[in-house]
Amino acid sequence: EIEITYRGKDIEVPKGSVDMNFDFPAHRVRMGRFPVTVRITVGQVFQKRLRMMARVTHYAPVVKTLRRVHRGEILTEGDVVVEVVPSNRIVRNAMTSLNDVVGNQVIRNLGMGRVITSNSIDKPTLVKKGDRVTLVAKSGAMKITAPGIVREKGFKDSLVKVLNIQTQKTVFGMVQDSNTVKVNF
């Protein structure tokens, strides 16, 4: 949506085919309020140059909270809604799809009606430092298990360090669930 305002005097131009060419500043983001130059020509003959102000409003879909959400909560479809909102500036890191938000964990408290950004949510943590897990290594029909202690937090399919209690060696494995880490060998 573009609104252009001119606060100068009325101008008169000769009769004929009137063209108005708007020149926007090249070095700026074209949102919000900024000056615009208008070149008026009649029958391809330059008549007047005017300075005006433009206000550009951008409408974008964003995901907002429907209630107050506390850090650590997992977002459900009942907690969020997609809303098209007007803005005079670019909303950085705003989430635009419910699929990208639902099922994620909130990492900071969010008030009701707040826009959810990518830095306010994260995948839910399945294991955290100090958790006891089962290390599982599979090759064909062979399956080996060993007890382990997680050395860093992790979410589904993330790579984490785990101390193998039996060998006292640190290995890397993929988090399968809150009790299992898969190790390749």
Foldseek 3Di string as FASTA:
>chain_A
DKDKDADDDDDDDDDADKDKDKDDDPPDDPFAKDKIWIFIDGPNHTDDIGIIMMHHKDWAKAKFFQAKDAFFDAAAPNGIDIDTDIDRDDDPQTDRDPVVRHQWTAHHIDGGGDTDGPVGTGHHWFEAFQDKAWEWEDDVPDIDIAIWTWHGIDHAQDWTWIQGVVVRDIFIFGDHGSHYTYGYD
